[in-house]
Amino acid sequence: MAARTKTSKDRPSYRCTECGWTTAKWLGRCPECQAWGTVEEYGAPAVRTTAVGRVTNAALPIGQVDGRQATARTTGVDELDRVLGGGLVPGAVVLLAGEPGVGKSTLLLDVAAKAASDEHRTLYVTGEESASQVRLRADRIGALDDHLYLAAETDLSAVLGHLDAVKPSLLVLDSVQTVASPEIDGAPGGMAQVREVAGALIRASKERGMSTLLVGHVTKDGAIAGPRLLEHLVDVVLHFEGDRHARLRLVRGVKNRYGATDEVGCFELHDEGITGLADPSGLFLTRRDEPVPGTCLTVTLEGRRPLVAEVQALTVDSQIPSPRRTTSGLETSRVSMMLAVLEQRGRISALGKRDIYSATVGGVKLSEPAADLAVALALASAASDTPLPKNLVAIGEVGLAGEVRRVTGVQRRLAEAHRLGFTHALVPSDPGRVPPGMKVTEVADMGDALRVLPRGRRAEAPPADGPRR
């Protein structure tokens, strides 16, 4: 009698308890999430087909869909509303990620208190701290409101129970990696747990018309921890950035289904909490009565917002065979490029044998090429120990051939510089409309730009060389 063929239903299968990856044989390490000892045997699932179900909401022509249901409601924090595109949309799920200690919990607790009202309750669920710890922070930053409810939970079913009891219009969960579902195998923060928790909260938000703010952890590389699926599921992804030794914090939109993704919100973190900065340029400038060698101002664009920033450079005689090159707030590769251009195209040979230090003021990070001209002029000014003219800003990208290239948003940059009282600017050719009363010098290459360095130490304006607009 012929032996019965073993069907696929009888064969054992193996599944990773962390990420859900399946295989036909056992492995000690999961190839998908690289976790050890998480592959376990389980019965092969039977093949199932989905039957046609009852339609809950009939399909409508797109012109008949009520768009008023997606009207944004303000959070009470203007800078956050700017990044969100006007506020929080009912049913929207927002993921806010950032490094530990950057101020995520402080910002969201402030938002939760300001968004609470008689018509709109707010529920703040913490999985990382106790309720008393959050209360102490609320006392410190003044985030107390009778319509703000606080719960300390790490169980998904308990969080959903709080939603039924409180019926909030806004849910803040700090953080999504600390909450776990008892029905899913794996530790909190694992791929399977994060996927289940996020999916359950997204479904609850859409069904209730409740806005949800999720706090997300980041890896050591700065990427959001957990599966990439989390970023695809949510409606808005925000990154909270900032140097912990500086006061400035930036909220940058990475994904936004309800607004632009190139907006940036500026905040100042202090002992009493966190406040929005409608005009943050003052944090990046040093006020002086007289110009100092080695300093140059530029206007950078953070998203669509122009910010005036100061670049500083210092050159000293080196005591070692290989001179130091130290940067802070600037990309080391672009500073090295500017040194090479100054030495080859600008004929400044003293830089190669000196220690060079370059930095920005206020903790701002300048990574766009539009700051190249300001970096080059600050280095040249430090090398010659000659200050640049007062009230001067430099805008432009510098190429390896020494040419000064055009950059985007020159008119917006010049308007911001003029608003803050700067009267002179070095820009690439054809800058467009210039603010009234502002003198603009167009430069084609580094040779033209270096002519702005005055021979005297008290010069107050750029020379008359070169075309003006």
Protein backbone atom coordinates (compact mmCIF):
# COMPACT_ATOMS: atom_id res chain seq x y z
CA MET A 1 0.00 0.00 0.00
CA ALA A 2 1.42 3.34 -1.03
CA ALA A 3 2.44 5.69 1.76
CA ARG A 4 0.30 8.75 2.22
CA THR A 5 1.94 11.93 0.92
CA LYS A 6 2.56 14.48 3.63
CA THR A 7 0.57 17.62 2.85
CA SER A 8 1.58 21.18 3.60
CA LYS A 9 -0.96 21.24 6.40
CA ASP A 10 0.93 18.47 8.20
CA ARG A 11 4.36 20.06 7.83
CA PRO A 12 5.61 22.10 10.79
CA SER A 13 6.41 25.78 10.28
CA TYR A 14 8.51 28.20 12.26
CA ARG A 15 7.84 31.85 13.07
CA CYS A 16 9.86 34.63 14.66
CA THR A 17 8.11 35.96 17.76
CA GLU A 18 9.70 39.39 17.30
CA CYS A 19 8.93 40.31 13.69
CA GLY A 20 6.59 37.53 12.51
CA TRP A 21 8.92 36.17 9.79
CA THR A 22 8.08 32.57 8.85
CA THR A 23 10.20 29.72 7.48
CA ALA A 24 9.92 25.98 6.81
CA LYS A 25 12.88 25.03 9.00
CA TRP A 26 14.24 26.10 12.36
CA LEU A 27 16.98 28.72 12.58
CA GLY A 28 18.83 30.02 15.60
CA ARG A 29 18.80 33.57 14.34
CA CYS A 30 16.02 35.36 12.49
CA PRO A 31 17.32 36.64 9.12
CA GLU A 32 14.74 39.45 9.11
CA CYS A 33 15.26 41.18 12.50
CA GLN A 34 18.60 39.54 13.42
CA ALA A 35 17.26 38.42 16.84
CA TRP A 36 18.62 35.24 18.43
CA GLY A 37 16.43 32.46 19.83
CA THR A 38 13.11 33.92 18.67
CA VAL A 39 12.21 31.37 15.94
CA GLU A 40 9.64 28.92 17.33
CA GLU A 41 7.55 26.13 15.79
CA TYR A 42 3.86 26.59 15.20
CA GLY A 43 1.19 24.86 13.16
CA ALA A 44 0.87 25.84 9.53
CA PRO A 45 -2.21 28.00 9.08
CA ALA A 46 -5.02 26.72 6.93
CA VAL A 47 -5.72 28.50 3.70
CA ARG A 48 -8.56 30.92 4.19
CA THR A 49 -10.55 33.06 1.80
CA THR A 50 -12.34 36.29 2.68
CA ALA A 51 -16.04 36.31 1.90
CA VAL A 52 -17.82 39.38 0.63
CA GLY A 53 -18.98 41.41 3.61
CA ARG A 54 -21.57 44.08 4.27
CA VAL A 55 -20.57 47.60 3.23
CA THR A 56 -20.47 49.95 6.22
CA ASN A 57 -20.27 53.22 4.25
CA ALA A 58 -21.46 53.47 0.68
CA ALA A 59 -19.02 54.86 -1.87
CA LEU A 60 -19.78 58.45 -2.90
CA PRO A 61 -18.61 60.67 -5.74
CA ILE A 62 -15.61 62.57 -4.46
CA GLY A 63 -17.39 65.87 -4.90
CA GLN A 64 -20.06 64.82 -2.40
CA VAL A 65 -17.62 63.87 0.36
CA ASP A 66 -17.79 66.32 3.28
CA GLY A 67 -14.33 67.84 3.61
CA ARG A 68 -15.25 69.77 6.76
CA GLN A 69 -14.58 66.67 8.83
CA ALA A 70 -10.87 67.16 8.10
CA THR A 71 -10.76 70.71 9.44
CA ALA A 72 -7.74 71.22 11.66
CA ARG A 73 -8.10 72.28 15.30
CA THR A 74 -5.35 74.35 16.87
CA THR A 75 -3.08 72.76 19.46
CA GLY A 76 -2.54 76.04 21.29
CA VAL A 77 1.15 76.06 20.27
CA ASP A 78 1.63 78.24 17.19
CA GLU A 79 4.98 76.76 16.17
CA LEU A 80 3.60 73.22 16.24
CA ASP A 81 0.53 74.34 14.28
CA ARG A 82 2.87 75.75 11.65
CA VAL A 83 4.52 72.36 11.13
CA LEU A 84 1.24 70.42 11.24
CA GLY A 85 -0.34 72.65 8.61
CA GLY A 86 -2.77 74.53 10.86
CA GLY A 87 -3.35 72.14 13.74
CA LEU A 88 -4.57 68.62 14.50
CA VAL A 89 -7.12 67.04 12.17
CA PRO A 90 -9.73 64.80 13.87
CA GLY A 91 -8.71 61.18 13.37
CA ALA A 92 -5.11 62.08 12.49
CA VAL A 93 -2.23 60.09 14.00
CA VAL A 94 1.03 61.98 14.51
CA LEU A 95 4.37 60.34 15.32
CA LEU A 96 6.91 62.55 17.09
CA ALA A 97 10.41 61.07 17.31
CA GLY A 98 13.57 62.42 18.87
CA GLU A 99 16.61 61.59 20.98
CA PRO A 100 16.27 61.06 24.75
CA GLY A 101 16.20 64.30 26.71
CA VAL A 102 15.49 66.56 23.74
CA GLY A 103 12.13 67.65 25.20
CA LYS A 104 9.47 65.48 23.54
CA SER A 105 7.51 64.77 26.72
CA THR A 106 7.70 68.40 27.84
CA LEU A 107 6.35 69.68 24.52
CA LEU A 108 3.50 67.17 24.31
CA LEU A 109 2.44 67.70 27.91
CA ASP A 110 2.22 71.42 27.17
CA VAL A 111 0.20 70.68 24.02
CA ALA A 112 -2.12 68.33 25.94
CA ALA A 113 -2.89 71.02 28.53
CA LYS A 114 -3.46 73.80 26.00
CA ALA A 115 -5.67 71.65 23.77
CA ALA A 116 -7.94 70.60 26.64
CA SER A 117 -11.26 72.43 27.00
CA ASP A 118 -14.89 71.87 27.98
CA GLU A 119 -15.73 70.41 24.57
CA HIS A 120 -12.47 68.57 24.01
CA ARG A 121 -10.98 66.31 26.68
CA THR A 122 -7.35 65.23 26.50
CA LEU A 123 -5.92 61.92 27.70
CA TYR A 124 -2.17 61.68 28.41
CA VAL A 125 -0.97 58.08 28.76
CA THR A 126 2.58 57.56 29.98
CA GLY A 127 4.33 54.23 29.81
CA GLU A 128 7.80 55.43 30.80
CA GLU A 129 7.05 57.41 33.97
CA SER A 130 4.68 57.25 36.87
CA ALA A 131 1.69 59.55 37.10
CA SER A 132 3.31 61.48 39.97
CA GLN A 133 6.42 62.17 37.90
CA VAL A 134 4.33 63.60 35.08
CA ARG A 135 2.40 65.69 37.62
CA LEU A 136 5.65 67.22 38.88
CA ARG A 137 6.60 68.22 35.33
CA ALA A 138 3.14 69.66 34.78
CA ASP A 139 3.52 71.80 37.91
CA ARG A 140 6.90 73.05 36.69
CA ILE A 141 5.74 74.08 33.21
CA GLY A 142 2.23 75.16 34.21
CA ALA A 143 0.43 72.40 32.26
CA LEU A 144 -2.55 71.86 34.57
CA ASP A 145 -6.13 71.71 33.34
CA ASP A 146 -9.30 70.10 34.70
CA HIS A 147 -10.00 68.52 31.31
CA LEU A 148 -6.57 66.91 31.03
CA TYR A 149 -6.63 63.29 32.19
CA LEU A 150 -3.50 61.36 33.10
CA ALA A 151 -2.93 57.60 33.18
CA ALA A 152 0.17 55.43 33.58
CA GLU A 153 -0.35 52.24 31.55
CA THR A 154 1.75 49.80 29.56
CA ASP A 155 -1.04 47.41 28.53
CA LEU A 156 -2.80 48.06 25.23
CA SER A 157 -6.15 46.74 26.46
CA ALA A 158 -6.01 49.12 29.44
CA VAL A 159 -5.26 52.05 27.14
CA LEU A 160 -8.28 51.20 25.00
CA GLY A 161 -10.35 50.95 28.20
CA HIS A 162 -9.30 54.48 29.16
CA LEU A 163 -10.48 55.67 25.76
CA ASP A 164 -13.95 54.27 26.44
CA ALA A 165 -14.04 55.85 29.90
CA VAL A 166 -12.66 59.33 29.12
CA LYS A 167 -13.79 59.70 25.47
CA PRO A 168 -10.99 62.18 24.65
CA SER A 169 -10.63 64.32 21.56
CA LEU A 170 -6.83 64.09 21.82
CA LEU A 171 -4.72 61.14 22.96
CA VAL A 172 -1.02 61.51 23.81
CA LEU A 173 0.90 58.24 24.21
CA ASP A 174 4.43 58.42 25.60
CA SER A 175 5.70 56.21 24.13
CA VAL A 176 4.52 53.65 21.58
CA GLN A 177 7.53 51.38 22.30
CA THR A 178 6.52 50.93 25.98
CA VAL A 179 3.00 49.64 25.38
CA ALA A 180 2.40 45.96 24.61
CA SER A 181 -0.54 43.76 23.72
CA PRO A 182 -0.99 40.55 25.78
CA GLU A 183 -2.24 38.74 22.66
CA ILE A 184 1.06 39.19 20.79
CA ASP A 185 4.25 37.33 21.66
CA GLY A 186 7.40 39.38 22.18
CA ALA A 187 8.71 42.07 24.47
CA PRO A 188 7.44 45.68 24.38
CA GLY A 189 9.22 47.63 21.66
CA GLY A 190 9.60 44.62 19.39
CA MET A 191 8.50 44.77 15.79
CA ALA A 192 5.37 42.68 16.27
CA GLN A 193 4.32 44.62 19.39
CA VAL A 194 4.89 48.05 17.84
CA ARG A 195 2.94 47.03 14.75
CA GLU A 196 -0.01 45.76 16.83
CA VAL A 197 -0.11 48.74 19.21
CA ALA A 198 0.11 51.29 16.42
CA GLY A 199 -2.52 49.49 14.35
CA ALA A 200 -4.97 49.33 17.26
CA LEU A 201 -4.56 53.02 18.12
CA ILE A 202 -4.87 54.07 14.49
CA ARG A 203 -8.14 52.13 14.18
CA ALA A 204 -9.45 53.70 17.38
CA SER A 205 -8.50 57.18 16.19
CA LYS A 206 -10.26 56.80 12.85
CA GLU A 207 -13.40 55.30 14.39
CA ARG A 208 -13.71 57.94 17.13
CA GLY A 209 -12.48 60.97 15.19
CA MET A 210 -9.81 61.35 17.88
CA SER A 211 -6.43 62.96 17.20
CA THR A 212 -3.48 60.94 18.46
CA LEU A 213 0.09 61.99 19.25
CA LEU A 214 2.56 59.11 19.54
CA VAL A 215 6.07 59.48 20.92
CA GLY A 216 8.64 57.33 19.13
CA HIS A 217 12.16 56.31 20.12
CA VAL A 218 15.11 56.66 17.77
CA THR A 219 18.16 54.49 17.18
CA LYS A 220 21.75 55.59 17.68
CA ASP A 221 21.79 56.65 14.02
CA GLY A 222 18.84 58.98 14.54
CA ALA A 223 16.29 56.85 12.64
CA ILE A 224 12.91 56.01 14.16
CA ALA A 225 13.13 52.71 16.04
CA GLY A 226 10.89 49.85 15.02
CA PRO A 227 9.50 48.68 11.70
CA ARG A 228 9.36 51.08 8.77
CA LEU A 229 5.69 50.17 8.54
CA LEU A 230 4.99 52.46 11.50
CA GLU A 231 5.94 55.55 9.49
CA HIS A 232 3.75 54.42 6.59
CA LEU A 233 0.70 53.89 8.80
CA VAL A 234 0.63 57.25 10.59
CA ASP A 235 -0.53 60.47 8.94
CA VAL A 236 2.24 62.79 10.12
CA VAL A 237 5.87 62.10 11.06
CA LEU A 238 7.76 64.80 12.96
CA HIS A 239 11.39 64.83 14.07
CA PHE A 240 12.34 66.72 17.23
CA GLU A 241 15.94 67.90 16.88
CA GLY A 242 18.36 69.90 18.96
CA ASP A 243 21.63 69.88 20.84
CA ARG A 244 21.05 69.11 24.50
CA HIS A 245 23.66 71.75 25.42
CA ALA A 246 21.80 74.48 23.50
CA ARG A 247 18.42 76.08 24.07
CA LEU A 248 17.18 75.75 20.49
CA ARG A 249 14.87 72.90 19.49
CA LEU A 250 13.51 72.28 15.99
CA VAL A 251 10.42 70.28 15.04
CA ARG A 252 10.80 69.24 11.41
CA GLY A 253 8.04 67.69 9.32
CA VAL A 254 9.11 64.55 7.44
CA LYS A 255 5.68 63.33 6.32
CA ASN A 256 2.41 65.23 6.41
CA ARG A 257 -0.84 64.21 4.73
CA TYR A 258 -2.48 67.49 5.70
CA GLY A 259 0.20 70.07 4.93
CA ALA A 260 3.66 70.84 3.65
CA THR A 261 6.69 68.75 4.60
CA ASP A 262 9.21 71.60 4.44
CA GLU A 263 8.01 73.52 7.50
CA VAL A 264 10.08 73.86 10.65
CA GLY A 265 8.96 74.93 14.11
CA CYS A 266 11.44 76.61 16.46
CA PHE A 267 11.28 76.24 20.24
CA GLU A 268 13.37 77.34 23.20
CA LEU A 269 13.82 74.87 26.05
CA HIS A 270 14.34 76.41 29.50
CA ASP A 271 13.73 75.61 33.17
CA GLU A 272 10.08 76.65 33.05
CA GLY A 273 9.27 74.46 30.04
CA ILE A 274 9.36 74.96 26.31
CA THR A 275 8.12 77.97 24.35
CA GLY A 276 7.74 78.65 20.65
CA LEU A 277 10.02 81.14 18.94
CA ALA A 278 8.34 83.17 16.23
CA ASP A 279 11.62 85.02 15.58
CA PRO A 280 14.54 82.74 16.55
CA SER A 281 17.28 84.57 14.64
CA GLY A 282 18.43 86.34 17.80
CA LEU A 283 19.69 83.03 19.21
CA PHE A 284 22.18 82.67 16.36
CA LEU A 285 23.79 86.11 16.53
CA THR A 286 26.31 87.81 18.76
CA ARG A 287 25.62 91.50 19.24
CA ARG A 288 28.78 93.61 19.05
CA ASP A 289 29.53 97.30 18.72
CA GLU A 290 32.49 96.65 16.41
CA PRO A 291 33.15 93.81 13.95
CA VAL A 292 35.57 91.05 14.95
CA PRO A 293 37.92 89.17 12.58
CA GLY A 294 36.79 85.68 11.66
CA THR A 295 33.01 86.26 11.82
CA CYS A 296 30.52 86.39 8.98
CA LEU A 297 26.72 86.33 8.85
CA THR A 298 24.55 84.35 6.47
CA VAL A 299 20.84 83.57 6.01
CA THR A 300 19.92 79.89 6.00
CA LEU A 301 16.58 78.33 5.12
CA GLU A 302 15.15 75.84 7.61
CA GLY A 303 12.27 74.49 5.56
CA ARG A 304 10.65 77.66 4.24
CA ARG A 305 11.76 79.80 7.18
CA PRO A 306 14.78 82.10 6.73
CA LEU A 307 17.11 82.35 9.75
CA VAL A 308 20.08 84.68 10.12
CA ALA A 309 23.05 82.75 11.52
CA GLU A 310 26.63 83.64 12.40
CA VAL A 311 29.69 81.68 11.32
CA GLN A 312 32.89 82.04 13.34
CA ALA A 313 36.42 80.96 12.44
CA LEU A 314 39.74 81.08 14.27
CA THR A 315 43.21 80.29 12.92
CA VAL A 316 46.31 79.89 15.11
CA ASP A 317 49.83 78.63 14.53
CA SER A 318 49.97 74.85 14.75
CA GLN A 319 52.29 73.14 17.23
CA ILE A 320 52.02 69.73 15.58
CA PRO A 321 53.00 68.49 12.10
CA SER A 322 49.36 67.79 11.16
CA PRO A 323 47.25 70.92 11.85
CA ARG A 324 43.89 70.52 13.56
CA ARG A 325 40.59 71.00 11.74
CA THR A 326 37.72 71.31 14.23
CA THR A 327 34.13 72.18 13.38
CA SER A 328 30.93 72.66 15.39
CA GLY A 329 27.59 73.13 13.66
CA LEU A 330 29.23 72.92 10.22
CA GLU A 331 29.96 69.98 7.95
CA THR A 332 33.65 69.14 8.15
CA SER A 333 33.76 68.14 4.48
CA ARG A 334 32.41 71.50 3.29
CA VAL A 335 34.77 73.45 5.55
CA SER A 336 37.71 71.46 4.13
CA MET A 337 36.43 72.23 0.64
CA MET A 338 36.33 75.97 1.40
CA LEU A 339 39.90 75.80 2.74
CA ALA A 340 41.05 74.19 -0.51
CA VAL A 341 39.23 76.78 -2.62
CA LEU A 342 40.72 79.67 -0.62
CA GLU A 343 44.21 78.26 -0.94
CA GLN A 344 44.04 77.46 -4.65
CA ARG A 345 41.63 80.08 -6.02
CA GLY A 346 41.99 82.80 -3.42
CA ARG A 347 45.79 82.53 -3.16
CA ILE A 348 45.70 82.33 0.66
CA SER A 349 48.56 79.98 1.47
CA ALA A 350 48.72 80.57 5.23
CA LEU A 351 45.78 78.27 5.98
CA GLY A 352 47.52 74.98 5.24
CA LYS A 353 49.94 75.15 8.17
CA ARG A 354 47.61 76.53 10.85
CA ASP A 355 45.10 75.05 13.26
CA ILE A 356 41.61 76.04 12.12
CA TYR A 357 38.49 76.10 14.27
CA SER A 358 35.05 76.93 12.82
CA ALA A 359 31.66 77.00 14.52
CA THR A 360 28.18 78.45 14.50
CA VAL A 361 26.48 80.46 17.25
CA GLY A 362 23.51 79.19 19.26
CA GLY A 363 23.73 75.52 18.31
CA VAL A 364 22.30 75.91 14.80
CA LYS A 365 23.56 73.43 12.20
CA LEU A 366 24.35 74.78 8.74
CA SER A 367 24.37 72.03 6.15
CA GLU A 368 23.04 73.72 3.03
CA PRO A 369 25.51 74.96 0.38
CA ALA A 370 24.16 78.52 0.64
CA ALA A 371 26.41 79.02 3.69
CA ASP A 372 29.60 78.30 1.71
CA LEU A 373 30.35 81.94 0.96
CA ALA A 374 29.97 82.96 4.62
CA VAL A 375 32.25 80.10 5.73
CA ALA A 376 34.89 81.06 3.17
CA LEU A 377 34.82 84.75 4.12
CA ALA A 378 35.00 83.93 7.85
CA LEU A 379 38.09 81.77 7.21
CA ALA A 380 39.71 84.45 5.04
CA SER A 381 38.93 87.12 7.63
CA ALA A 382 40.48 85.00 10.39
CA ALA A 383 43.58 84.26 8.29
CA SER A 384 44.21 87.96 7.57
CA ASP A 385 43.08 89.10 11.04
CA THR A 386 40.89 91.67 9.31
CA PRO A 387 37.19 92.10 10.22
CA LEU A 388 34.50 92.09 7.60
CA PRO A 389 32.32 95.18 7.18
CA LYS A 390 29.61 95.71 9.74
CA ASN A 391 25.99 94.77 8.92
CA LEU A 392 27.08 92.47 6.08
CA VAL A 393 25.55 89.10 5.16
CA ALA A 394 26.95 86.63 2.63
CA ILE A 395 24.79 84.20 0.67
CA GLY A 396 25.97 81.77 -2.01
CA GLU A 397 27.32 78.34 -2.89
CA VAL A 398 31.01 78.11 -3.75
CA GLY A 399 32.22 75.61 -6.36
CA LEU A 400 35.62 73.97 -6.68
CA ALA A 401 36.49 76.33 -9.53
CA GLY A 402 35.97 79.26 -7.17
CA GLU A 403 32.69 80.36 -8.75
CA VAL A 404 29.81 81.61 -6.60
CA ARG A 405 26.62 79.82 -7.61
CA ARG A 406 23.01 80.83 -7.22
CA VAL A 407 20.90 79.35 -4.43
CA THR A 408 17.18 79.10 -3.85
CA GLY A 409 15.16 81.67 -1.94
CA VAL A 410 17.56 84.61 -2.29
CA GLN A 411 14.74 87.15 -2.11
CA ARG A 412 13.36 85.63 1.09
CA ARG A 413 16.83 85.58 2.61
CA LEU A 414 17.46 89.22 1.73
CA ALA A 415 14.05 90.26 3.10
CA GLU A 416 14.82 88.58 6.44
CA ALA A 417 18.26 90.20 6.64
CA HIS A 418 16.76 93.61 5.86
CA ARG A 419 14.07 93.12 8.51
CA LEU A 420 16.75 92.53 11.13
CA GLY A 421 18.61 95.70 10.17
CA PHE A 422 21.40 94.44 7.90
CA THR A 423 22.21 96.92 5.16
CA HIS A 424 24.74 95.12 2.92
CA ALA A 425 24.76 91.71 1.26
CA LEU A 426 27.06 89.64 -0.94
CA VAL A 427 25.03 87.43 -3.28
CA PRO A 428 25.48 85.55 -6.58
CA SER A 429 24.51 87.24 -9.82
CA ASP A 430 20.86 88.05 -10.59
CA PRO A 431 19.41 88.00 -7.06
CA GLY A 432 16.01 89.31 -8.16
CA ARG A 433 14.06 91.98 -6.31
CA VAL A 434 16.09 93.66 -3.57
CA PRO A 435 14.50 95.22 -0.45
CA PRO A 436 14.47 99.05 -0.59
CA GLY A 437 17.45 100.64 1.13
CA MET A 438 19.60 97.51 1.06
CA LYS A 439 22.89 97.55 -0.88
CA VAL A 440 23.60 94.29 -2.66
CA THR A 441 26.96 93.42 -4.23
CA GLU A 442 26.89 90.65 -6.83
CA VAL A 443 29.97 88.43 -6.89
CA ALA A 444 30.87 85.96 -9.61
CA ASP A 445 33.78 84.15 -7.93
CA MET A 446 35.88 84.09 -4.79
CA GLY A 447 38.16 86.79 -6.18
CA ASP A 448 35.25 89.23 -6.24
CA ALA A 449 34.09 88.11 -2.80
CA LEU A 450 37.52 88.54 -1.17
CA ARG A 451 37.63 92.18 -2.30
CA VAL A 452 35.09 92.90 0.43
CA LEU A 453 37.87 92.47 3.02
CA PRO A 454 38.84 96.07 3.87
CA ARG A 455 42.42 97.14 4.24
CA GLY A 456 41.66 99.05 7.42
CA ARG A 457 40.26 97.51 10.58
CA ARG A 458 37.31 99.89 10.97
CA ALA A 459 35.67 99.80 7.55
CA GLU A 460 31.92 99.98 7.74
CA ALA A 461 30.76 99.19 4.16
CA PRO A 462 31.85 97.12 1.18
CA PRO A 463 33.86 98.85 -1.56
CA ALA A 464 32.31 100.21 -4.72
CA ASP A 465 33.82 97.47 -6.90
CA GLY A 466 31.38 95.23 -8.74
CA PRO A 467 27.80 95.85 -9.84
CA ARG A 468 25.18 96.92 -7.32
CA ARG A 469 21.45 96.67 -7.41
